[in-house]
Structures are given as structure tokens and as C-alpha cells.
C-alpha atoms as a PDB file:
ATOM      1  CA  MET A   1      -8.091  10.305 -21.766  1.00  0.00           C
ATOM      2  CA  ALA A   2      -5.717   9.999 -19.073  1.00  0.00           C
ATOM      3  CA  SER A   3      -4.375   5.566 -18.927  1.00  0.00           C
ATOM      4  CA  PRO A   4      -6.172   4.105 -16.056  1.00  0.00           C
ATOM      5  CA  VAL A   5      -3.987   4.147 -12.919  1.00  0.00           C
ATOM      6  CA  PRO A   6      -1.415   0.342 -13.629  1.00  0.00           C
ATOM      7  CA  HIS A   7      -1.717  -2.249 -11.177  1.00  0.00           C
ATOM      8  CA  PRO A   8       0.927  -4.605 -11.907  1.00  0.00           C
ATOM      9  CA  ILE A   9       1.218  -6.252  -8.291  1.00  0.00           C
ATOM     10  CA  PRO A  10      -2.247  -7.890  -7.491  1.00  0.00           C
ATOM     11  CA  TYR A  11      -2.160  -7.357  -3.050  1.00  0.00           C
ATOM     12  CA  GLN A  12      -4.655  -8.067  -0.868  1.00  0.00           C
ATOM     13  CA  GLY A  13      -4.964  -4.995   1.683  1.00  0.00           C
ATOM     14  CA  SER A  14      -3.952  -2.761  -1.888  1.00  0.00           C
ATOM     15  CA  LYS A  15      -5.320   0.566  -1.554  1.00  0.00           C
ATOM     16  CA  ARG A  16      -5.825   0.727  -4.985  1.00  0.00           C
ATOM     17  CA  ARG A  17      -9.463   1.957  -5.089  1.00  0.00           C
ATOM     18  CA  LEU A  18      -8.416   5.009  -1.571  1.00  0.00           C
ATOM     19  CA  ALA A  19      -6.362   5.642  -3.491  1.00  0.00           C
ATOM     20  CA  ARG A  20      -7.759   8.921  -4.836  1.00  0.00           C
ATOM     21  CA  ALA A  21      -9.022   9.611  -0.990  1.00  0.00           C
ATOM     22  CA  ILE A  22      -6.094   9.340   0.659  1.00  0.00           C
ATOM     23  CA  LEU A  23      -4.639  11.303  -2.025  1.00  0.00           C
ATOM     24  CA  SER A  24      -6.735  14.160  -1.829  1.00  0.00           C
ATOM     25  CA  TYR A  25      -5.378  15.151   1.189  1.00  0.00           C
ATOM     26  CA  ILE A  26      -2.475  15.418  -0.234  1.00  0.00           C
ATOM     27  CA  PRO A  27      -2.118  19.667  -1.403  1.00  0.00           C
ATOM     28  CA  LYS A  28      -1.403  20.023  -4.891  1.00  0.00           C
ATOM     29  CA  HIS A  29       1.702  21.561  -4.149  1.00  0.00           C
ATOM     30  CA  GLY A  30       4.785  22.196  -1.965  1.00  0.00           C
ATOM     31  CA  PHE A  31       6.292  18.430  -1.920  1.00  0.00           C
ATOM     32  CA  GLN A  32       9.047  17.179  -3.892  1.00  0.00           C
ATOM     33  CA  ARG A  33       9.284  13.405  -3.077  1.00  0.00           C
ATOM     34  CA  LEU A  34       6.748  10.680  -1.780  1.00  0.00           C
ATOM     35  CA  ILE A  35       7.940   8.414   0.377  1.00  0.00           C
ATOM     36  CA  GLU A  36       6.329   5.039   0.878  1.00  0.00           C
ATOM     37  CA  PRO A  37       8.132   2.952   3.191  1.00  0.00           C
ATOM     38  CA  PHE A  38       5.653  -0.373   3.287  1.00  0.00           C
ATOM     39  CA  ALA A  39       5.326  -0.398  -0.602  1.00  0.00           C
ATOM     40  CA  GLY A  40       2.890  -3.978  -1.525  1.00  0.00           C
ATOM     41  CA  SER A  41       1.444  -2.855  -4.399  1.00  0.00           C
ATOM     42  CA  ALA A  42       2.338   0.805  -4.013  1.00  0.00           C
ATOM     43  CA  ALA A  43      -0.769   1.930  -5.260  1.00  0.00           C
ATOM     44  CA  VAL A  44      -0.665   5.492  -3.626  1.00  0.00           C
ATOM     45  CA  THR A  45       2.503   6.048  -5.690  1.00  0.00           C
ATOM     46  CA  LEU A  46       1.533   5.315  -8.267  1.00  0.00           C
ATOM     47  CA  ALA A  47      -1.372   7.096  -8.346  1.00  0.00           C
ATOM     48  CA  ALA A  48       0.515   9.739  -7.117  1.00  0.00           C
ATOM     49  CA  ALA A  49       2.628   9.566  -9.850  1.00  0.00           C
ATOM     50  CA  GLU A  50      -0.304   9.417 -13.119  1.00  0.00           C
ATOM     51  CA  GLN A  51      -1.690  12.689 -11.411  1.00  0.00           C
ATOM     52  CA  GLU A  52       1.961  14.184 -11.281  1.00  0.00           C
ATOM     53  CA  LEU A  53       1.601  15.834  -7.968  1.00  0.00           C
ATOM     54  CA  PHE A  54       5.112  14.250  -6.762  1.00  0.00           C
ATOM     55  CA  THR A  55       8.995  15.410  -8.897  1.00  0.00           C
ATOM     56  CA  GLU A  56      10.542  12.122  -7.053  1.00  0.00           C
ATOM     57  CA  TYR A  57       9.089   9.407  -5.548  1.00  0.00           C
ATOM     58  CA  LEU A  58      11.000   6.455  -2.776  1.00  0.00           C
ATOM     59  CA  LEU A  59       9.775   3.350  -2.484  1.00  0.00           C
ATOM     60  CA  GLY A  60      11.104   0.700   0.229  1.00  0.00           C
ATOM     61  CA  ASP A  61      10.309  -3.049   1.749  1.00  0.00           C
ATOM     62  CA  ALA A  62      10.950  -5.148   4.066  1.00  0.00           C
ATOM     63  CA  LEU A  63      10.294  -8.079   2.064  1.00  0.00           C
ATOM     64  CA  ILE A  64      13.126  -8.119  -0.197  1.00  0.00           C
ATOM     65  CA  PRO A  65      11.454  -9.727  -3.545  1.00  0.00           C
ATOM     66  CA  LEU A  66       8.642  -7.642  -3.507  1.00  0.00           C
ATOM     67  CA  ALA A  67      11.305  -4.738  -3.719  1.00  0.00           C
ATOM     68  CA  GLN A  68      12.892  -6.282  -6.226  1.00  0.00           C
ATOM     69  CA  ILE A  69      10.027  -6.625  -7.943  1.00  0.00           C
ATOM     70  CA  TRP A  70      10.024  -2.986  -7.456  1.00  0.00           C
ATOM     71  CA  SER A  71      13.288  -2.039  -9.394  1.00  0.00           C
ATOM     72  CA  GLU A  72      12.709  -4.543 -12.089  1.00  0.00           C
ATOM     73  CA  ILE A  73      10.251  -2.581 -12.967  1.00  0.00           C
ATOM     74  CA  LYS A  74      11.618   0.315 -13.047  1.00  0.00           C
ATOM     75  CA  ARG A  75      14.827  -1.229 -14.712  1.00  0.00           C
ATOM     76  CA  ASP A  76      13.555  -3.869 -17.497  1.00  0.00           C
ATOM     77  CA  PRO A  77       9.545  -4.979 -17.303  1.00  0.00           C
ATOM     78  CA  SER A  78       9.762  -6.426 -20.424  1.00  0.00           C
ATOM     79  CA  SER A  79      12.121  -9.283 -19.711  1.00  0.00           C
ATOM     80  CA  LEU A  80       9.870  -9.461 -15.901  1.00  0.00           C
ATOM     81  CA  ALA A  81       6.861  -9.326 -17.805  1.00  0.00           C
ATOM     82  CA  ASP A  82       8.185 -12.408 -19.858  1.00  0.00           C
ATOM     83  CA  GLN A  83       9.320 -13.979 -16.820  1.00  0.00           C
ATOM     84  CA  TYR A  84       5.455 -13.754 -15.505  1.00  0.00           C
ATOM     85  CA  GLN A  85       4.542 -15.295 -18.686  1.00  0.00           C
ATOM     86  CA  LEU A  86       6.935 -18.204 -18.221  1.00  0.00           C
ATOM     87  CA  LEU A  87       5.556 -18.963 -14.937  1.00  0.00           C
ATOM     88  CA  TRP A  88       1.324 -18.674 -15.534  1.00  0.00           C
ATOM     89  CA  GLY A  89       2.289 -21.107 -18.771  1.00  0.00           C
ATOM     90  CA  ARG A  90       4.315 -23.514 -16.825  1.00  0.00           C
ATOM     91  CA  GLU A  91       1.119 -23.665 -14.901  1.00  0.00           C
ATOM     92  CA  ARG A  92      -1.432 -24.171 -17.318  1.00  0.00           C
ATOM     93  CA  THR A  93       0.200 -27.041 -19.134  1.00  0.00           C
ATOM     94  CA  GLN A  94       1.826 -28.820 -15.798  1.00  0.00           C
ATOM     95  CA  SER A  95      -1.782 -28.544 -14.156  1.00  0.00           C
ATOM     96  CA  ILE A  96      -1.908 -26.715 -10.590  1.00  0.00           C
ATOM     97  CA  ASN A  97       1.011 -29.175  -8.758  1.00  0.00           C
ATOM     98  CA  ALA A  98       2.952 -26.307 -10.810  1.00  0.00           C
ATOM     99  CA  TYR A  99       1.489 -24.026  -8.367  1.00  0.00           C
ATOM    100  CA  TYR A 100       4.023 -25.730  -5.461  1.00  0.00           C
ATOM    101  CA  GLN A 101       6.448 -25.964  -7.254  1.00  0.00           C
ATOM    102  CA  ILE A 102       7.219 -22.585  -7.763  1.00  0.00           C
ATOM    103  CA  ARG A 103       6.432 -21.956  -4.762  1.00  0.00           C
ATOM    104  CA  ASP A 104       8.811 -24.415  -3.465  1.00  0.00           C
ATOM    105  CA  GLU A 105      11.471 -22.219  -5.479  1.00  0.00           C
ATOM    106  CA  PHE A 106      10.331 -19.257  -3.712  1.00  0.00           C
ATOM    107  CA  ASN A 107      10.888 -19.885  -1.069  1.00  0.00           C
ATOM    108  CA  VAL A 108      15.126 -21.649  -1.762  1.00  0.00           C
ATOM    109  CA  GLY A 109      15.805 -19.073  -4.274  1.00  0.00           C
ATOM    110  CA  ARG A 110      13.468 -15.450  -4.000  1.00  0.00           C
ATOM    111  CA  ASP A 111      13.398 -14.944  -7.016  1.00  0.00           C
ATOM    112  CA  PRO A 112      11.185 -11.858  -7.164  1.00  0.00           C
ATOM    113  CA  ALA A 113       9.389 -12.519 -11.119  1.00  0.00           C
ATOM    114  CA  LYS A 114       8.159 -16.070  -8.535  1.00  0.00           C
ATOM    115  CA  LEU A 115       6.737 -13.832  -6.249  1.00  0.00           C
ATOM    116  CA  LEU A 116       5.500 -11.774  -8.613  1.00  0.00           C
ATOM    117  CA  PHE A 117       3.289 -15.082  -9.742  1.00  0.00           C
ATOM    118  CA  LEU A 118       2.857 -16.485  -6.867  1.00  0.00           C
ATOM    119  CA  LEU A 119       0.812 -12.891  -5.788  1.00  0.00           C
ATOM    120  CA  ALA A 120      -1.155 -13.344  -9.016  1.00  0.00           C
ATOM    121  CA  ARG A 121      -2.410 -16.485  -8.435  1.00  0.00           C
ATOM    122  CA  CYS A 122      -2.749 -16.731  -4.369  1.00  0.00           C
ATOM    123  CA  VAL A 123      -5.812 -17.135  -2.787  1.00  0.00           C
ATOM    124  CA  LYS A 124      -7.149 -13.463  -2.118  1.00  0.00           C
ATOM    125  CA  ASN A 125      -4.011 -12.175  -3.345  1.00  0.00           C
ATOM    126  CA  ALA A 126      -3.140 -12.291   0.120  1.00  0.00           C
ATOM    127  CA  VAL A 127       0.812 -12.905   1.290  1.00  0.00           C
ATOM    128  CA  ARG A 128       1.139 -15.019   4.180  1.00  0.00           C
ATOM    129  CA  PHE A 129       4.292 -16.543   5.207  1.00  0.00           C
ATOM    130  CA  ASN A 130       5.100 -19.718   8.387  1.00  0.00           C
ATOM    131  CA  PRO A 131       6.846 -19.022  11.539  1.00  0.00           C
ATOM    132  CA  SER A 132       9.829 -19.888   8.978  1.00  0.00           C
ATOM    133  CA  GLY A 133       9.793 -17.242   6.384  1.00  0.00           C
ATOM    134  CA  ASP A 134       8.584 -19.521   4.162  1.00  0.00           C
ATOM    135  CA  PHE A 135       6.156 -18.379   1.823  1.00  0.00           C
ATOM    136  CA  ASN A 136       3.548 -20.900   2.518  1.00  0.00           C
ATOM    137  CA  GLN A 137      -0.302 -19.829   0.877  1.00  0.00           C
ATOM    138  CA  SER A 138      -2.314 -21.847  -1.423  1.00  0.00           C
ATOM    139  CA  PRO A 139      -3.179 -21.667  -5.407  1.00  0.00           C
ATOM    140  CA  ASP A 140      -6.915 -20.050  -5.866  1.00  0.00           C
ATOM    141  CA  LYS A 141      -8.596 -22.781  -7.571  1.00  0.00           C
ATOM    142  CA  ARG A 142     -10.958 -20.627  -8.512  1.00  0.00           C
ATOM    143  CA  ARG A 143      -9.488 -18.584 -11.197  1.00  0.00           C
ATOM    144  CA  SER A 144      -6.209 -18.806 -13.146  1.00  0.00           C
ATOM    145  CA  GLY A 145      -4.421 -15.648 -11.902  1.00  0.00           C
ATOM    146  CA  THR A 146      -3.608 -11.929 -14.086  1.00  0.00           C
ATOM    147  CA  LEU A 147      -3.418 -12.621 -17.618  1.00  0.00           C
ATOM    148  CA  PRO A 148       0.455 -12.441 -18.966  1.00  0.00           C
ATOM    149  CA  ALA A 149      -0.910  -9.650 -21.635  1.00  0.00           C
ATOM    150  CA  THR A 150      -2.799  -7.466 -18.802  1.00  0.00           C
ATOM    151  CA  MET A 151       0.390  -8.110 -16.273  1.00  0.00           C
ATOM    152  CA  ARG A 152       2.990  -7.301 -19.205  1.00  0.00           C
ATOM    153  CA  LYS A 153       0.466  -3.988 -20.021  1.00  0.00           C
ATOM    154  CA  ASN A 154       0.600  -3.133 -15.711  1.00  0.00           C
ATOM    155  CA  LEU A 155       4.040  -3.547 -16.038  1.00  0.00           C
ATOM    156  CA  MET A 156       5.167  -1.605 -18.394  1.00  0.00           C
ATOM    157  CA  ARG A 157       2.427   1.105 -18.125  1.00  0.00           C
ATOM    158  CA  ALA A 158       4.336   1.161 -14.083  1.00  0.00           C
ATOM    159  CA  HIS A 159       7.321   1.629 -15.675  1.00  0.00           C
ATOM    160  CA  GLN A 160       6.563   4.534 -17.556  1.00  0.00           C
ATOM    161  CA  LEU A 161       5.080   6.344 -14.646  1.00  0.00           C
ATOM    162  CA  LEU A 162       8.214   5.486 -12.347  1.00  0.00           C
ATOM    163  CA  ASP A 163      11.338   5.656 -14.845  1.00  0.00           C
ATOM    164  CA  GLY A 164      14.080   7.816 -13.921  1.00  0.00           C
ATOM    165  CA  ARG A 165      11.818   9.466 -11.170  1.00  0.00           C
ATOM    166  CA  CYS A 166      11.568   6.546  -8.487  1.00  0.00           C
ATOM    167  CA  GLU A 167      14.267   5.110  -5.956  1.00  0.00           C
ATOM    168  CA  VAL A 168      13.813   1.977  -4.576  1.00  0.00           C
ATOM    169  CA  VAL A 169      15.331  -0.149  -0.902  1.00  0.00           C
ATOM    170  CA  GLY A 170      14.601  -2.879   0.524  1.00  0.00           C
ATOM    171  CA  GLY A 171      14.483  -3.416   4.074  1.00  0.00           C
ATOM    172  CA  ASP A 172      13.333  -1.867   7.417  1.00  0.00           C
ATOM    173  CA  PHE A 173      10.973   1.173   7.146  1.00  0.00           C
ATOM    174  CA  PHE A 174      12.620   3.483   9.660  1.00  0.00           C
ATOM    175  CA  ASP A 175      15.642   3.811   7.663  1.00  0.00           C
ATOM    176  CA  LEU A 176      13.280   5.155   4.580  1.00  0.00           C
ATOM    177  CA  ILE A 177      12.253   7.765   7.070  1.00  0.00           C
ATOM    178  CA  GLU A 178      15.256   8.644   8.932  1.00  0.00           C
ATOM    179  CA  ARG A 179      16.307   9.498   5.599  1.00  0.00           C
ATOM    180  CA  SER A 180      13.041  11.858   5.223  1.00  0.00           C
ATOM    181  CA  ARG A 181      13.752  15.699   4.955  1.00  0.00           C
ATOM    182  CA  PRO A 182      11.869  19.134   3.999  1.00  0.00           C
ATOM    183  CA  GLY A 183       9.988  19.390   1.012  1.00  0.00           C
ATOM    184  CA  ASP A 184       8.974  15.303   2.002  1.00  0.00           C
ATOM    185  CA  PHE A 185       5.517  13.479   1.913  1.00  0.00           C
ATOM    186  CA  VAL A 186       5.643  10.338   3.349  1.00  0.00           C
ATOM    187  CA  TYR A 187       2.399   7.594   3.308  1.00  0.00           C
ATOM    188  CA  LEU A 188       2.737   5.362   5.337  1.00  0.00           C
ATOM    189  CA  ASP A 189       0.259   1.721   5.417  1.00  0.00           C
ATOM    190  CA  PRO A 190       2.358  -0.728   7.792  1.00  0.00           C
ATOM    191  CA  PRO A 191       0.987  -4.110   8.666  1.00  0.00           C
ATOM    192  CA  TYR A 192      -2.376  -3.346  10.887  1.00  0.00           C
ATOM    193  CA  GLN A 193      -2.316  -4.383  14.758  1.00  0.00           C
ATOM    194  CA  GLY A 194      -4.336  -7.455  14.826  1.00  0.00           C
ATOM    195  CA  THR A 195      -2.461  -8.850  11.881  1.00  0.00           C
ATOM    196  CA  SER A 196       1.714  -8.807  13.190  1.00  0.00           C
ATOM    197  CA  GLU A 197       1.543 -10.947  16.072  1.00  0.00           C
ATOM    198  CA  GLY A 198      -0.433 -14.160  17.829  1.00  0.00           C
ATOM    199  CA  ARG A 199      -2.231 -16.252  15.766  1.00  0.00           C
ATOM    200  CA  ASP A 200      -3.047 -13.960  12.227  1.00  0.00           C
ATOM    201  CA  ARG A 201       0.310 -12.606  11.735  1.00  0.00           C
ATOM    202  CA  ARG A 202       0.050 -12.345   7.855  1.00  0.00           C
ATOM    203  CA  TYR A 203       4.012 -10.897   7.185  1.00  0.00           C
ATOM    204  CA  ILE A 204       7.005 -11.736   7.001  1.00  0.00           C
ATOM    205  CA  SER A 205       8.328  -9.035   9.368  1.00  0.00           C
ATOM    206  CA  GLY A 206       5.109  -7.376  11.856  1.00  0.00           C
ATOM    207  CA  VAL A 207       5.436  -3.916  13.139  1.00  0.00           C
ATOM    208  CA  SER A 208       5.039  -2.558  16.326  1.00  0.00           C
ATOM    209  CA  ARG A 209       2.537   0.079  17.672  1.00  0.00           C
ATOM    210  CA  LYS A 210       5.220   1.260  19.447  1.00  0.00           C
ATOM    211  CA  ARG A 211       7.324   1.386  16.648  1.00  0.00           C
ATOM    212  CA  VAL A 212       5.043   2.739  14.511  1.00  0.00           C
ATOM    213  CA  MET A 213       4.179   5.959  17.098  1.00  0.00           C
ATOM    214  CA  GLU A 214       8.375   6.467  17.442  1.00  0.00           C
ATOM    215  CA  CYS A 215       7.738   6.830  13.487  1.00  0.00           C
ATOM    216  CA  LEU A 216       5.332   9.819  13.535  1.00  0.00           C
ATOM    217  CA  ASP A 217       7.038  11.427  16.683  1.00  0.00           C
ATOM    218  CA  LEU A 218      10.267  11.743  13.908  1.00  0.00           C
ATOM    219  CA  LEU A 219       7.978  12.749  10.977  1.00  0.00           C
ATOM    220  CA  ASN A 220       6.306  15.353  13.648  1.00  0.00           C
ATOM    221  CA  ALA A 221       9.810  16.916  15.127  1.00  0.00           C
ATOM    222  CA  ARG A 222      11.024  17.035  11.894  1.00  0.00           C
ATOM    223  CA  ASP A 223       8.435  18.803  10.052  1.00  0.00           C
ATOM    224  CA  VAL A 224       7.485  16.657   7.661  1.00  0.00           C
ATOM    225  CA  PRO A 225       3.741  15.339   6.917  1.00  0.00           C
ATOM    226  CA  PHE A 226       2.520  12.259   6.470  1.00  0.00           C
ATOM    227  CA  ILE A 227      -0.745  10.579   6.078  1.00  0.00           C
ATOM    228  CA  LEU A 228      -0.620   6.862   8.028  1.00  0.00           C
ATOM    229  CA  SER A 229      -3.237   4.241   7.164  1.00  0.00           C
ATOM    230  CA  TYR A 230      -3.163   2.113   9.929  1.00  0.00           C
ATOM    231  CA  ASP A 231      -6.618  -0.793  11.320  1.00  0.00           C
ATOM    232  CA  GLY A 232     -10.473   0.484  10.981  1.00  0.00           C
ATOM    233  CA  SER A 233     -12.803  -2.089  11.543  1.00  0.00           C
ATOM    234  CA  CYS A 234     -15.914  -4.389  10.147  1.00  0.00           C
ATOM    235  CA  GLY A 235     -19.308  -4.805  10.801  1.00  0.00           C
ATOM    236  CA  GLY A 236     -18.849  -4.362  15.437  1.00  0.00           C
ATOM    237  CA  THR A 237     -15.463  -5.519  15.320  1.00  0.00           C
ATOM    238  CA  SER A 238     -11.846  -2.702  15.753  1.00  0.00           C
ATOM    239  CA  TYR A 239      -8.737  -3.737  14.620  1.00  0.00           C
ATOM    240  CA  GLY A 240      -6.076  -2.176  16.983  1.00  0.00           C
ATOM    241  CA  GLU A 241      -6.656   0.502  19.571  1.00  0.00           C
ATOM    242  CA  ALA A 242      -6.275   4.236  18.178  1.00  0.00           C
ATOM    243  CA  LEU A 243      -2.931   6.395  18.331  1.00  0.00           C
ATOM    244  CA  PRO A 244      -3.174   9.881  20.437  1.00  0.00           C
ATOM    245  CA  ASN A 245      -5.033  13.144  19.207  1.00  0.00           C
ATOM    246  CA  GLU A 246      -2.173  14.834  19.456  1.00  0.00           C
ATOM    247  CA  MET A 247       0.215  12.599  17.169  1.00  0.00           C
ATOM    248  CA  ALA A 248      -2.323  12.719  14.172  1.00  0.00           C
ATOM    249  CA  SER A 249      -5.925  13.407  13.794  1.00  0.00           C
ATOM    250  CA  GLN A 250      -8.311  10.591  13.049  1.00  0.00           C
ATOM    251  CA  ILE A 251     -10.462   9.625  10.071  1.00  0.00           C
ATOM    252  CA  LEU A 252     -12.400   7.253   8.885  1.00  0.00           C
ATOM    253  CA  LEU A 253     -13.274   5.989   5.569  1.00  0.00           C
ATOM    254  CA  ASP A 254     -15.744   3.971   4.308  1.00  0.00           C
ATOM    255  CA  VAL A 255     -14.287   0.770   2.328  1.00  0.00           C
ATOM    256  CA  GLY A 256     -17.791  -0.633   1.570  1.00  0.00           C
ATOM    257  CA  ARG A 257     -18.976  -3.889   2.193  1.00  0.00           C
ATOM    258  CA  SER A 258     -16.103  -7.181   3.122  1.00  0.00           C
ATOM    259  CA  SER A 259     -15.348  -9.109   0.518  1.00  0.00           C
ATOM    260  CA  GLN A 260     -14.608 -11.808   3.678  1.00  0.00           C
ATOM    261  CA  ALA A 261     -18.224 -11.093   5.196  1.00  0.00           C
ATOM    262  CA  THR A 262     -20.186 -11.475   1.827  1.00  0.00           C
ATOM    263  CA  LEU A 263     -18.417 -14.763   1.044  1.00  0.00           C
ATOM    264  CA  ASN A 264     -19.747 -15.612   5.179  1.00  0.00           C
ATOM    265  CA  GLY A 265     -22.779 -14.119   3.842  1.00  0.00           C
ATOM    266  CA  GLU A 266     -23.238 -11.493   6.163  1.00  0.00           C
ATOM    267  CA  GLN A 267     -23.137  -7.648   4.944  1.00  0.00           C
ATOM    268  CA  HIS A 268     -20.874  -5.799   6.831  1.00  0.00           C
ATOM    269  CA  ALA A 269     -19.284  -2.627   6.142  1.00  0.00           C
ATOM    270  CA  THR A 270     -15.151  -1.940   6.135  1.00  0.00           C
ATOM    271  CA  VAL A 271     -13.908   1.125   7.571  1.00  0.00           C
ATOM    272  CA  GLU A 272     -10.429   2.096   7.657  1.00  0.00           C
ATOM    273  CA  SER A 273      -8.376   4.633  10.220  1.00  0.00           C
ATOM    274  CA  LEU A 274      -6.308   7.246   7.854  1.00  0.00           C
ATOM    275  CA  TYR A 275      -4.524   9.397  10.257  1.00  0.00           C
ATOM    276  CA  LEU A 276      -2.815  13.040   9.570  1.00  0.00           C
ATOM    277  CA  SER A 277      -0.169  14.945  11.008  1.00  0.00           C
ATOM    278  CA  PRO A 278      -0.501  17.413  12.946  1.00  0.00           C
ATOM    279  CA  LEU A 279       1.572  19.837  10.359  1.00  0.00           C
ATOM    280  CA  LEU A 280      -1.223  18.930   7.638  1.00  0.00           C
ATOM    281  CA  ALA A 281      -4.480  19.399   9.763  1.00  0.00           C
ATOM    282  CA  GLN A 282      -3.505  22.330  10.986  1.00  0.00           C
ATOM    283  CA  HIS A 283      -2.209  23.714   8.140  1.00  0.00           C
ATOM    284  CA  ASP A 284      -5.880  24.865   6.779  1.00  0.00           C
ATOM    285  CA  GLN A 285      -8.845  25.589   9.342  1.00  0.00           C
ATOM    286  CA  ALA A 286     -11.057  25.421   6.832  1.00  0.00           C
ATOM    287  CA  LEU A 287      -9.988  21.223   7.245  1.00  0.00           C
ATOM    288  CA  THR A 288      -9.553  21.626  10.870  1.00  0.00           C
ATOM    289  CA  ARG A 289     -13.088  22.367  11.378  1.00  0.00           C
ATOM    290  CA  GLU A 290     -14.005  19.613   9.328  1.00  0.00           C
ATOM    291  CA  LEU A 291     -12.149  17.768  10.978  1.00  0.00           C
ATOM    292  CA  ARG A 292     -12.972  19.128  14.518  1.00  0.00           C
ATOM    293  CA  ASP A 293     -16.733  18.790  13.402  1.00  0.00           C
ATOM    294  CA  PHE A 294     -17.099  14.888  12.990  1.00  0.00           C
ATOM    295  CA  GLU A 295     -16.677  12.066  15.616  1.00  0.00           C
ATOM    296  CA  PRO A 296     -14.358   9.418  15.591  1.00  0.00           C
ATOM    297  CA  GLN A 297     -17.282   6.804  14.802  1.00  0.00           C
ATOM    298  CA  THR A 298     -18.596   9.165  12.354  1.00  0.00           C
ATOM    299  CA  LEU A 299     -17.369   8.611   8.676  1.00  0.00           C
ATOM    300  CA  LEU A 300     -15.921  11.353   6.927  1.00  0.00           C
ATOM    301  CA  ARG A 301     -16.938  12.142   2.940  1.00  0.00           C
ATOM    302  CA  ARG A 302     -14.056  12.596   0.884  1.00  0.00           C
ATOM    303  CA  GLU A 303     -15.868  15.722  -1.257  1.00  0.00           C
ATOM    304  CA  VAL A 304     -16.323  18.334   1.119  1.00  0.00           C
ATOM    305  CA  THR A 305     -12.245  18.350   1.742  1.00  0.00           C
ATOM    306  CA  SER A 306     -11.316  17.713  -1.989  1.00  0.00           C
ATOM    307  CA  GLU A 307     -12.401  21.074  -2.580  1.00  0.00           C
ATOM    308  CA  VAL A 308     -10.554  22.799   0.243  1.00  0.00           C
ATOM    309  CA  TRP A 309      -7.013  21.101  -0.959  1.00  0.00           C
ATOM    310  CA  ALA A 310      -7.874  21.219  -4.351  1.00  0.00           C
ATOM    311  CA  SER A 311      -5.801  24.553  -5.694  1.00  0.00           C
ATOM    312  CA  ARG A 312      -4.184  25.084  -2.217  1.00  0.00           C
ATOM    313  CA  SER A 313      -0.357  25.286  -1.876  1.00  0.00           C
ATOM    314  CA  PHE A 314       0.893  23.412   1.678  1.00  0.00           C
ATOM    315  CA  PHE A 315       3.923  26.551   1.568  1.00  0.00           C
ATOM    316  CA  PRO A 316       2.913  29.918   1.962  1.00  0.00           C
END
């Protein structure tokens, strides 16, 4: 029996629960490298590596210390686990004030091990930065974060999946898109429209809808297929404007009940938009018919499409 997919970096918005559904849209044959320019928890890359869907992986993130975490997972996961254990123990012995001290230290030195600790320990595992670019999320007082033994296990397993097969780059996502070539497949999970601008800006750098569209135009021009996770809805509230149909085909994935709504005493379903590149959607007539038969507000169930793609090669 295969080992479970590791989850070394707790991250709000992680596609860990959706990774299997997302990967079911990728034909099992025909691609060499997966590019994930918005790494975050790299849930899709790790799930793809566990399934051995690609021989190479290219990870990137605009948050440089986060990209450095992935570099350390590749290079020396044991040392990273040791540093995490020391930070975790420091807070357990020195009270919650140690969290704020570690946060201040991270904002000065941008140490990747300290970021890993903060992500595992902060409220909702939600990365938040102030306008000056400093991490400002508070500690979660209801729990103590990922146990050091569990973190070590996840770091070592992620290393085993990516060792010798993964390149990590810190910087703007478009730099990775420029490196795309035939034989690549791109998975994009940018900050959503509602979280990139205004008062609810959450990330170290937002990504405008215009730049996302420029990225998709480039990939389409190069005939590099992609899957994009972008926006969605919760209850009666929609987040972001849908992308043009000629640029990508939209599918809605049922994520389940919103955890935030549940905390507020409400029961709202969360739906995430998934966009398939035209090259991917048009490859199989059965899939094309399936997409055409579903209205934008209808949830697409994964079982049918999983069977459609199960044993097909992308290239004839």
C-alpha cells in the first residue's frame, strides 16, 4: 500500500483535498515536467509525484523564504526538521510570547525554518502580511501546531518524492511561465481576485486578473496545456469575474462546507473554479461533450471524467 501524500507545509488554501480531482484531468501519458509557479504547500506537485505522473517538477513562489523551505526539503530535510523542533520546543517552554519573538525574528532575517514554524502555528495556517511586507498573523491559541515528529515525517517523505527530480525557483511566477516548453504541463493556483487587492490583501504580492490572462495567453500560444484554480463562491457570494470561455473552460468543484461559515454558525457550500486550457479540453471529444453539457453553475462530478482520462495519452 502506497504511503499517504505528505503535507509538510500547512497552508490555508492548500489544494491537498482537491489534488486528486485536479490531477484526474491530466492524461497519464505525454508530459515530462509539471510546473507549479504558485507553490504554497505544493499539494498538487506532491500528489503528482506520488502517482509518478511526471519525471520532472519545477516549483516556484514569490515568497522567497517559502521557496527556500522547498529548497531545504530537497537539500537537507533532516536539518530543517531539527530547526523546526527547536522553535516548537522554544514556544512550549517559554509561553506564547515566544511566538511573537520568532515572528519578529523572521521579519528581520526571513529565515525559512522560522516561516515553517509560523505557518504551522498561526491562526488557520493563514499567511498574512502587512503593507510593509512583514508577517503579522497571530498564533492560534486553540492548538500547538504540527508536532515535531509529524513534521519530520512529512519533510522526509516530501524529500523522497522530489529528490533529484525537482527544481525550485523563488521569484515572479511569470519567470517560470517563460520557461515552459513542449512536454510541460502547468498548474496555476494564484492568489484569488478577492484576496489580491483592497483591505483583504493577504499575500506578500497580489496577482492581477490582467496578469493571469497574459500568462494564459502565453501558454495557449505555446500549446502548453494548463489547469488553473481561480476564485469560486461560498453560499450566495461569488469571488472574482469569470475568465473568457475562449481562454479556458470553466469547471466548478464542490469543496464542501465552508469552515469559516461553520464557525459563524452558518452552513454554506464552497465551490472552486477550475479552468482547463483549450488544448486540454479539446483533446478528447467525450470530455468536450461533458463540458458543453454543464452550465457554469452546475457542479461537475469527478467520477465520469476520471474514467474518460484514466488510460489516455495526450499525444496521438
